[in-house]
C-alpha cells in the first residue's frame, strides 16, 4: 500500500515530510512507468524547517511507500514498475 501522486506535467516534483508519523521511501516515476529516482528511508519531520527532497530527473508520478519497501523488492533506478494499467 502506498500513495501515488499523478501530475499533469513532467518536473522535478519536490516533497517534504512535515507532520508525517513514519519514515517513507519515495519513488519518482517517468511517464513510461520507470523509476527515475529513489529516496530511501526518508525520515518523518515534526519541526520546521523540514528538508525538501528533489529528484535529479523529471518525473510524472511520485509513489510514497513504507520505508524499506524499495530495498525489500530490490527496486533500482531504471526498473519498470508495471503500472501500465494504472497510469
PDB file of N, CA and C in Angstrom:
ATOM      1  N   UNK A   1       0.849  -1.181   0.000  1.00  0.00           N
ATOM      2  CA  UNK A   1       0.000   0.000   0.000  1.00  0.00           C
ATOM      3  C   UNK A   1       0.884   1.230   0.000  1.00  0.00           C
ATOM      4  N   UNK A   2       0.404   2.243  -0.675  1.00  0.00           N
ATOM      5  CA  UNK A   2       1.151   3.488  -0.745  1.00  0.00           C
ATOM      6  C   UNK A   2       0.257   4.587  -1.272  1.00  0.00           C
ATOM      7  N   UNK A   3       0.873   5.712  -1.586  1.00  0.00           N
ATOM      8  CA  UNK A   3       0.134   6.838  -2.132  1.00  0.00           C
ATOM      9  C   UNK A   3       0.803   7.238  -3.441  1.00  0.00           C
ATOM     10  N   UNK A   4       0.029   7.250  -4.527  1.00  0.00           N
ATOM     11  CA  UNK A   4       0.527   7.619  -5.842  1.00  0.00           C
ATOM     12  C   UNK A   4       0.052   9.031  -6.169  1.00  0.00           C
ATOM     13  N   UNK A   5       1.001   9.901  -6.465  1.00  0.00           N
ATOM     14  CA  UNK A   5       0.700  11.268  -6.879  1.00  0.00           C
ATOM     15  C   UNK A   5       0.818  11.319  -8.395  1.00  0.00           C
ATOM     16  N   UNK A   6      -0.222  11.789  -9.065  1.00  0.00           N
ATOM     17  CA  UNK A   6      -0.259  11.875 -10.519  1.00  0.00           C
ATOM     18  C   UNK A   6      -0.259  13.355 -10.895  1.00  0.00           C
ATOM     19  N   UNK A   7       0.799  13.772 -11.598  1.00  0.00           N
ATOM     20  CA  UNK A   7       0.919  15.160 -12.021  1.00  0.00           C
ATOM     21  C   UNK A   7       0.557  15.278 -13.497  1.00  0.00           C
ATOM     22  N   UNK A   8       0.157  16.461 -13.920  1.00  0.00           N
ATOM     23  CA  UNK A   8      -0.229  16.677 -15.315  1.00  0.00           C
ATOM     24  C   UNK A   8       0.958  17.048 -16.197  1.00  0.00           C
ATOM     25  N   UNK A   9       2.143  17.166 -15.600  1.00  0.00           N
ATOM     26  CA  UNK A   9       3.328  17.554 -16.357  1.00  0.00           C
ATOM     27  C   UNK A   9       4.564  16.923 -15.709  1.00  0.00           C
ATOM     28  N   UNK A  10       5.593  16.743 -16.518  1.00  0.00           N
ATOM     29  CA  UNK A  10       6.878  16.254 -16.007  1.00  0.00           C
ATOM     30  C   UNK A  10       7.624  17.394 -15.342  1.00  0.00           C
ATOM     31  N   UNK A  11       8.236  17.096 -14.202  1.00  0.00           N
ATOM     32  CA  UNK A  11       9.026  18.102 -13.493  1.00  0.00           C
ATOM     33  C   UNK A  11       9.838  17.389 -12.425  1.00  0.00           C
ATOM     34  N   UNK A  12      10.693  18.134 -11.787  1.00  0.00           N
ATOM     35  CA  UNK A  12      11.431  17.606 -10.638  1.00  0.00           C
ATOM     36  C   UNK A  12      10.587  17.921  -9.390  1.00  0.00           C
ATOM     37  N   UNK A  13       9.462  17.245  -9.251  1.00  0.00           N
ATOM     38  CA  UNK A  13       8.494  17.500  -8.181  1.00  0.00           C
ATOM     39  C   UNK A  13       9.156  17.278  -6.823  1.00  0.00           C
ATOM     40  N   UNK A  14       9.018  18.277  -5.956  1.00  0.00           N
ATOM     41  CA  UNK A  14       9.638  18.235  -4.632  1.00  0.00           C
ATOM     42  C   UNK A  14       8.645  17.760  -3.580  1.00  0.00           C
ATOM     43  N   UNK A  15       9.176  17.020  -2.598  1.00  0.00           N
ATOM     44  CA  UNK A  15       8.352  16.530  -1.490  1.00  0.00           C
ATOM     45  C   UNK A  15       9.054  16.816  -0.175  1.00  0.00           C
ATOM     46  N   UNK A  16       8.249  16.916   0.863  1.00  0.00           N
ATOM     47  CA  UNK A  16       8.774  17.039   2.212  1.00  0.00           C
ATOM     48  C   UNK A  16       7.926  16.185   3.129  1.00  0.00           C
ATOM     49  N   UNK A  17       8.384  15.977   4.330  1.00  0.00           N
ATOM     50  CA  UNK A  17       7.761  15.004   5.229  1.00  0.00           C
ATOM     51  C   UNK A  17       7.125  15.657   6.459  1.00  0.00           C
ATOM     52  N   UNK A  18       6.739  16.916   6.359  1.00  0.00           N
ATOM     53  CA  UNK A  18       6.164  17.606   7.511  1.00  0.00           C
ATOM     54  C   UNK A  18       4.918  16.893   8.017  1.00  0.00           C
ATOM     55  N   UNK A  19       4.850  16.716   9.321  1.00  0.00           N
ATOM     56  CA  UNK A  19       3.722  16.114  10.032  1.00  0.00           C
ATOM     57  C   UNK A  19       3.506  14.634   9.716  1.00  0.00           C
ATOM     58  N   UNK A  20       4.475  13.985   9.095  1.00  0.00           N
ATOM     59  CA  UNK A  20       4.392  12.534   8.907  1.00  0.00           C
ATOM     60  C   UNK A  20       4.742  11.870  10.241  1.00  0.00           C
ATOM     61  N   UNK A  21       4.227  10.670  10.447  1.00  0.00           N
ATOM     62  CA  UNK A  21       4.467   9.961  11.697  1.00  0.00           C
ATOM     63  C   UNK A  21       5.320   8.725  11.503  1.00  0.00           C
ATOM     64  N   UNK A  22       5.765   8.488  10.263  1.00  0.00           N
ATOM     65  CA  UNK A  22       6.612   7.329   9.986  1.00  0.00           C
ATOM     66  C   UNK A  22       7.467   7.633   8.758  1.00  0.00           C
ATOM     67  N   UNK A  23       8.575   6.936   8.633  1.00  0.00           N
ATOM     68  CA  UNK A  23       9.507   7.130   7.526  1.00  0.00           C
ATOM     69  C   UNK A  23       8.952   6.521   6.240  1.00  0.00           C
ATOM     70  N   UNK A  24       9.422   7.039   5.100  1.00  0.00           N
ATOM     71  CA  UNK A  24       8.928   6.584   3.801  1.00  0.00           C
ATOM     72  C   UNK A  24      10.062   6.358   2.806  1.00  0.00           C
ATOM     73  N   UNK A  25       9.766   5.566   1.798  1.00  0.00           N
ATOM     74  CA  UNK A  25      10.519   5.537   0.552  1.00  0.00           C
ATOM     75  C   UNK A  25       9.695   6.357  -0.435  1.00  0.00           C
ATOM     76  N   UNK A  26      10.359   7.182  -1.233  1.00  0.00           N
ATOM     77  CA  UNK A  26       9.667   7.964  -2.249  1.00  0.00           C
ATOM     78  C   UNK A  26      10.302   7.639  -3.592  1.00  0.00           C
ATOM     79  N   UNK A  27       9.458   7.239  -4.539  1.00  0.00           N
ATOM     80  CA  UNK A  27       9.924   6.899  -5.883  1.00  0.00           C
ATOM     81  C   UNK A  27       9.350   7.886  -6.874  1.00  0.00           C
ATOM     82  N   UNK A  28      10.217   8.462  -7.708  1.00  0.00           N
ATOM     83  CA  UNK A  28       9.794   9.328  -8.797  1.00  0.00           C
ATOM     84  C   UNK A  28       9.781   8.468 -10.048  1.00  0.00           C
ATOM     85  N   UNK A  29       8.693   8.541 -10.826  1.00  0.00           N
ATOM     86  CA  UNK A  29       8.444   7.606 -11.918  1.00  0.00           C
ATOM     87  C   UNK A  29       8.142   8.378 -13.204  1.00  0.00           C
ATOM     88  N   UNK A  30       8.711   7.909 -14.314  1.00  0.00           N
ATOM     89  CA  UNK A  30       8.519   8.545 -15.621  1.00  0.00           C
ATOM     90  C   UNK A  30       7.134   8.228 -16.186  1.00  0.00           C
ATOM     91  N   UNK A  31       6.806   8.883 -17.278  1.00  0.00           N
ATOM     92  CA  UNK A  31       5.532   8.616 -17.955  1.00  0.00           C
ATOM     93  C   UNK A  31       5.479   7.190 -18.494  1.00  0.00           C
ATOM     94  N   UNK A  32       6.644   6.565 -18.689  1.00  0.00           N
ATOM     95  CA  UNK A  32       6.708   5.180 -19.159  1.00  0.00           C
ATOM     96  C   UNK A  32       6.640   4.168 -18.016  1.00  0.00           C
ATOM     97  N   UNK A  33       6.541   4.651 -16.776  1.00  0.00           N
ATOM     98  CA  UNK A  33       6.434   3.757 -15.628  1.00  0.00           C
ATOM     99  C   UNK A  33       7.775   3.272 -15.092  1.00  0.00           C
ATOM    100  N   UNK A  34       8.867   3.949 -15.465  1.00  0.00           N
ATOM    101  CA  UNK A  34      10.200   3.567 -14.979  1.00  0.00           C
ATOM    102  C   UNK A  34      10.625   4.470 -13.826  1.00  0.00           C
ATOM    103  N   UNK A  35      11.293   3.876 -12.861  1.00  0.00           N
ATOM    104  CA  UNK A  35      11.807   4.639 -11.723  1.00  0.00           C
ATOM    105  C   UNK A  35      12.957   5.511 -12.216  1.00  0.00           C
ATOM    106  N   UNK A  36      12.877   6.822 -11.959  1.00  0.00           N
ATOM    107  CA  UNK A  36      13.951   7.730 -12.343  1.00  0.00           C
ATOM    108  C   UNK A  36      14.754   8.210 -11.135  1.00  0.00           C
ATOM    109  N   UNK A  37      14.190   8.048  -9.926  1.00  0.00           N
ATOM    110  CA  UNK A  37      14.898   8.474  -8.713  1.00  0.00           C
ATOM    111  C   UNK A  37      14.241   7.795  -7.518  1.00  0.00           C
ATOM    112  N   UNK A  38      15.052   7.429  -6.530  1.00  0.00           N
ATOM    113  CA  UNK A  38      14.531   6.805  -5.315  1.00  0.00           C
ATOM    114  C   UNK A  38      15.098   7.532  -4.102  1.00  0.00           C
ATOM    115  N   UNK A  39      14.203   7.953  -3.219  1.00  0.00           N
ATOM    116  CA  UNK A  39      14.589   8.459  -1.906  1.00  0.00           C
ATOM    117  C   UNK A  39      14.250   7.371  -0.898  1.00  0.00           C
ATOM    118  N   UNK A  40      15.261   6.750  -0.311  1.00  0.00           N
ATOM    119  CA  UNK A  40      15.021   5.627   0.597  1.00  0.00           C
ATOM    120  C   UNK A  40      15.114   6.054   2.053  1.00  0.00           C
ATOM    121  N   UNK A  41      14.220   5.493   2.844  1.00  0.00           N
ATOM    122  CA  UNK A  41      14.230   5.696   4.300  1.00  0.00           C
ATOM    123  C   UNK A  41      14.237   7.181   4.678  1.00  0.00           C
ATOM    124  N   UNK A  42      13.376   7.932   4.051  1.00  0.00           N
ATOM    125  CA  UNK A  42      13.289   9.365   4.328  1.00  0.00           C
ATOM    126  C   UNK A  42      12.581   9.551   5.677  1.00  0.00           C
ATOM    127  N   UNK A  43      13.242  10.227   6.604  1.00  0.00           N
ATOM    128  CA  UNK A  43      12.676  10.339   7.948  1.00  0.00           C
ATOM    129  C   UNK A  43      11.498  11.298   8.038  1.00  0.00           C
ATOM    130  N   UNK A  44      10.578  10.961   8.925  1.00  0.00           N
ATOM    131  CA  UNK A  44       9.458  11.847   9.234  1.00  0.00           C
ATOM    132  C   UNK A  44      10.013  13.140   9.825  1.00  0.00           C
ATOM    133  N   UNK A  45       9.238  14.205   9.718  1.00  0.00           N
ATOM    134  CA  UNK A  45       9.681  15.505  10.228  1.00  0.00           C
ATOM    135  C   UNK A  45       8.542  16.149  11.003  1.00  0.00           C
ATOM    136  N   UNK A  46       8.813  16.543  12.239  1.00  0.00           N
ATOM    137  CA  UNK A  46       7.776  17.164  13.060  1.00  0.00           C
ATOM    138  C   UNK A  46       8.069  18.629  13.382  1.00  0.00           C
ATOM    139  N   UNK A  47       9.271  19.109  13.056  1.00  0.00           N
ATOM    140  CA  UNK A  47       9.630  20.500  13.363  1.00  0.00           C
ATOM    141  C   UNK A  47      10.162  21.189  12.116  1.00  0.00           C
ATOM    142  N   UNK A  48       9.759  22.444  11.941  1.00  0.00           N
ATOM    143  CA  UNK A  48      10.285  23.251  10.835  1.00  0.00           C
ATOM    144  C   UNK A  48      11.709  23.686  11.154  1.00  0.00           C
ATOM    145  N   UNK A  49      12.535  23.844  10.168  1.00  0.00           N
ATOM    146  CA  UNK A  49      12.276  23.573   8.763  1.00  0.00           C
ATOM    147  C   UNK A  49      12.514  22.094   8.440  1.00  0.00           C
ATOM    148  N   UNK A  50      11.654  21.538   7.634  1.00  0.00           N
ATOM    149  CA  UNK A  50      11.808  20.147   7.192  1.00  0.00           C
ATOM    150  C   UNK A  50      12.599  20.129   5.889  1.00  0.00           C
ATOM    151  N   UNK A  51      13.432  19.122   5.702  1.00  0.00           N
ATOM    152  CA  UNK A  51      14.158  19.016   4.438  1.00  0.00           C
ATOM    153  C   UNK A  51      13.197  18.804   3.269  1.00  0.00           C
ATOM    154  N   UNK A  52      13.583  19.293   2.114  1.00  0.00           N
ATOM    155  CA  UNK A  52      12.828  19.096   0.881  1.00  0.00           C
ATOM    156  C   UNK A  52      13.605  18.109   0.033  1.00  0.00           C
ATOM    157  N   UNK A  53      12.917  17.123  -0.523  1.00  0.00           N
ATOM    158  CA  UNK A  53      13.546  16.073  -1.317  1.00  0.00           C
ATOM    159  C   UNK A  53      13.214  16.307  -2.787  1.00  0.00           C
ATOM    160  N   UNK A  54      14.266  16.398  -3.602  1.00  0.00           N
ATOM    161  CA  UNK A  54      14.139  16.731  -5.013  1.00  0.00           C
ATOM    162  C   UNK A  54      14.880  15.691  -5.842  1.00  0.00           C
ATOM    163  N   UNK A  55      14.226  15.111  -6.840  1.00  0.00           N
ATOM    164  CA  UNK A  55      14.921  14.142  -7.690  1.00  0.00           C
ATOM    165  C   UNK A  55      15.904  14.847  -8.617  1.00  0.00           C
ATOM    166  N   UNK A  56      16.837  14.083  -9.166  1.00  0.00           N
ATOM    167  CA  UNK A  56      17.785  14.677 -10.108  1.00  0.00           C
ATOM    168  C   UNK A  56      17.286  14.608 -11.555  1.00  0.00           C
ATOM    169  N   UNK A  57      16.091  14.036 -11.766  1.00  0.00           N
ATOM    170  CA  UNK A  57      15.473  13.968 -13.084  1.00  0.00           C
ATOM    171  C   UNK A  57      13.991  14.299 -12.965  1.00  0.00           C
ATOM    172  N   UNK A  58      13.417  14.706 -14.071  1.00  0.00           N
ATOM    173  CA  UNK A  58      11.977  14.977 -14.101  1.00  0.00           C
ATOM    174  C   UNK A  58      11.188  13.675 -14.065  1.00  0.00           C
ATOM    175  N   UNK A  59       9.991  13.755 -13.513  1.00  0.00           N
ATOM    176  CA  UNK A  59       9.097  12.602 -13.415  1.00  0.00           C
ATOM    177  C   UNK A  59       7.658  13.086 -13.561  1.00  0.00           C
ATOM    178  N   UNK A  60       6.755  12.163 -13.855  1.00  0.00           N
ATOM    179  CA  UNK A  60       5.334  12.484 -13.961  1.00  0.00           C
ATOM    180  C   UNK A  60       4.576  12.024 -12.718  1.00  0.00           C
ATOM    181  N   UNK A  61       5.085  10.955 -12.077  1.00  0.00           N
ATOM    182  CA  UNK A  61       4.404  10.346 -10.939  1.00  0.00           C
ATOM    183  C   UNK A  61       5.366  10.238  -9.765  1.00  0.00           C
ATOM    184  N   UNK A  62       4.796  10.251  -8.573  1.00  0.00           N
ATOM    185  CA  UNK A  62       5.577  10.022  -7.358  1.00  0.00           C
ATOM    186  C   UNK A  62       4.808   9.021  -6.509  1.00  0.00           C
ATOM    187  N   UNK A  63       5.525   8.006  -6.037  1.00  0.00           N
ATOM    188  CA  UNK A  63       4.922   6.953  -5.222  1.00  0.00           C
ATOM    189  C   UNK A  63       5.572   6.943  -3.852  1.00  0.00           C
ATOM    190  N   UNK A  64       4.760   7.119  -2.821  1.00  0.00           N
ATOM    191  CA  UNK A  64       5.237   7.036  -1.443  1.00  0.00           C
ATOM    192  C   UNK A  64       4.875   5.670  -0.878  1.00  0.00           C
ATOM    193  N   UNK A  65       5.864   5.030  -0.260  1.00  0.00           N
ATOM    194  CA  UNK A  65       5.693   3.690   0.314  1.00  0.00           C
ATOM    195  C   UNK A  65       6.332   3.644   1.692  1.00  0.00           C
ATOM    196  N   UNK A  66       5.976   2.645   2.474  1.00  0.00           N
ATOM    197  CA  UNK A  66       6.621   2.466   3.769  1.00  0.00           C
ATOM    198  C   UNK A  66       8.128   2.338   3.587  1.00  0.00           C
ATOM    199  N   UNK A  67       8.855   2.885   4.521  1.00  0.00           N
ATOM    200  CA  UNK A  67      10.312   2.842   4.476  1.00  0.00           C
ATOM    201  C   UNK A  67      10.816   1.403   4.372  1.00  0.00           C
ATOM    202  N   UNK A  68      11.755   1.180   3.468  1.00  0.00           N
ATOM    203  CA  UNK A  68      12.342  -0.136   3.275  1.00  0.00           C
ATOM    204  C   UNK A  68      11.696  -0.951   2.178  1.00  0.00           C
ATOM    205  N   UNK A  69      10.543  -0.507   1.675  1.00  0.00           N
ATOM    206  CA  UNK A  69       9.815  -1.279   0.668  1.00  0.00           C
ATOM    207  C   UNK A  69      10.623  -1.417  -0.623  1.00  0.00           C
ATOM    208  N   UNK A  70      11.242  -0.336  -1.064  1.00  0.00           N
ATOM    209  CA  UNK A  70      12.016  -0.382  -2.312  1.00  0.00           C
ATOM    210  C   UNK A  70      13.187  -1.354  -2.194  1.00  0.00           C
ATOM    211  N   UNK A  71      13.886  -1.334  -1.075  1.00  0.00           N
ATOM    212  CA  UNK A  71      15.026  -2.249  -0.885  1.00  0.00           C
ATOM    213  C   UNK A  71      14.559  -3.694  -0.783  1.00  0.00           C
ATOM    214  N   UNK A  72      13.461  -3.920  -0.078  1.00  0.00           N
ATOM    215  CA  UNK A  72      12.930  -5.279   0.064  1.00  0.00           C
ATOM    216  C   UNK A  72      12.590  -5.889  -1.293  1.00  0.00           C
ATOM    217  N   UNK A  73      12.128  -5.051  -2.215  1.00  0.00           N
ATOM    218  CA  UNK A  73      11.744  -5.527  -3.542  1.00  0.00           C
ATOM    219  C   UNK A  73      12.865  -5.354  -4.570  1.00  0.00           C
ATOM    220  N   UNK A  74      14.040  -4.934  -4.097  1.00  0.00           N
ATOM    221  CA  UNK A  74      15.239  -4.790  -4.937  1.00  0.00           C
ATOM    222  C   UNK A  74      15.012  -3.836  -6.112  1.00  0.00           C
ATOM    223  N   UNK A  75      14.207  -2.801  -5.886  1.00  0.00           N
ATOM    224  CA  UNK A  75      13.953  -1.823  -6.935  1.00  0.00           C
ATOM    225  C   UNK A  75      15.131  -0.884  -7.064  1.00  0.00           C
ATOM    226  N   UNK A  76      15.430  -0.503  -8.308  1.00  0.00           N
ATOM    227  CA  UNK A  76      16.505   0.441  -8.567  1.00  0.00           C
ATOM    228  C   UNK A  76      16.094   1.377  -9.699  1.00  0.00           C
ATOM    229  N   UNK A  77      16.838   2.454  -9.857  1.00  0.00           N
ATOM    230  CA  UNK A  77      16.571   3.397 -10.941  1.00  0.00           C
ATOM    231  C   UNK A  77      16.641   2.645 -12.266  1.00  0.00           C
ATOM    232  N   UNK A  78      15.659   2.889 -13.116  1.00  0.00           N
ATOM    233  CA  UNK A  78      15.575   2.233 -14.417  1.00  0.00           C
ATOM    234  C   UNK A  78      14.577   1.090 -14.452  1.00  0.00           C
ATOM    235  N   UNK A  79      14.210   0.571 -13.276  1.00  0.00           N
ATOM    236  CA  UNK A  79      13.237  -0.517 -13.230  1.00  0.00           C
ATOM    237  C   UNK A  79      11.859  -0.030 -13.649  1.00  0.00           C
ATOM    238  N   UNK A  80      11.134  -0.891 -14.365  1.00  0.00           N
ATOM    239  CA  UNK A  80       9.753  -0.603 -14.728  1.00  0.00           C
ATOM    240  C   UNK A  80       8.865  -1.212 -13.667  1.00  0.00           C
ATOM    241  N   UNK A  81       7.916  -0.432 -13.159  1.00  0.00           N
ATOM    242  CA  UNK A  81       7.086  -0.908 -12.057  1.00  0.00           C
ATOM    243  C   UNK A  81       5.842  -1.649 -12.506  1.00  0.00           C
ATOM    244  N   UNK A  82       5.560  -1.725 -13.772  1.00  0.00           N
ATOM    245  CA  UNK A  82       4.365  -2.443 -14.220  1.00  0.00           C
ATOM    246  C   UNK A  82       3.090  -1.727 -13.841  1.00  0.00           C
ATOM    247  N   UNK A  83       3.095  -0.423 -13.936  1.00  0.00           N
ATOM    248  CA  UNK A  83       1.926   0.383 -13.582  1.00  0.00           C
ATOM    249  C   UNK A  83       1.071   0.727 -14.796  1.00  0.00           C
ATOM    250  N   UNK A  84       1.287   0.072 -15.906  1.00  0.00           N
ATOM    251  CA  UNK A  84       0.605   0.446 -17.150  1.00  0.00           C
ATOM    252  C   UNK A  84      -0.908   0.444 -17.007  1.00  0.00           C
ATOM    253  N   UNK A  85      -1.468  -0.432 -16.220  1.00  0.00           N
ATOM    254  CA  UNK A  85      -2.907  -0.459 -16.032  1.00  0.00           C
ATOM    255  C   UNK A  85      -3.413   0.677 -15.169  1.00  0.00           C
ATOM    256  N   UNK A  86      -2.509   1.303 -14.414  1.00  0.00           N
ATOM    257  CA  UNK A  86      -2.876   2.379 -13.510  1.00  0.00           C
ATOM    258  C   UNK A  86      -2.623   3.746 -14.157  1.00  0.00           C
ATOM    259  N   UNK A  87      -1.497   3.858 -14.866  1.00  0.00           N
ATOM    260  CA  UNK A  87      -1.076   5.168 -15.386  1.00  0.00           C
ATOM    261  C   UNK A  87      -1.773   5.553 -16.657  1.00  0.00           C
TER     262      UNK A  87
END
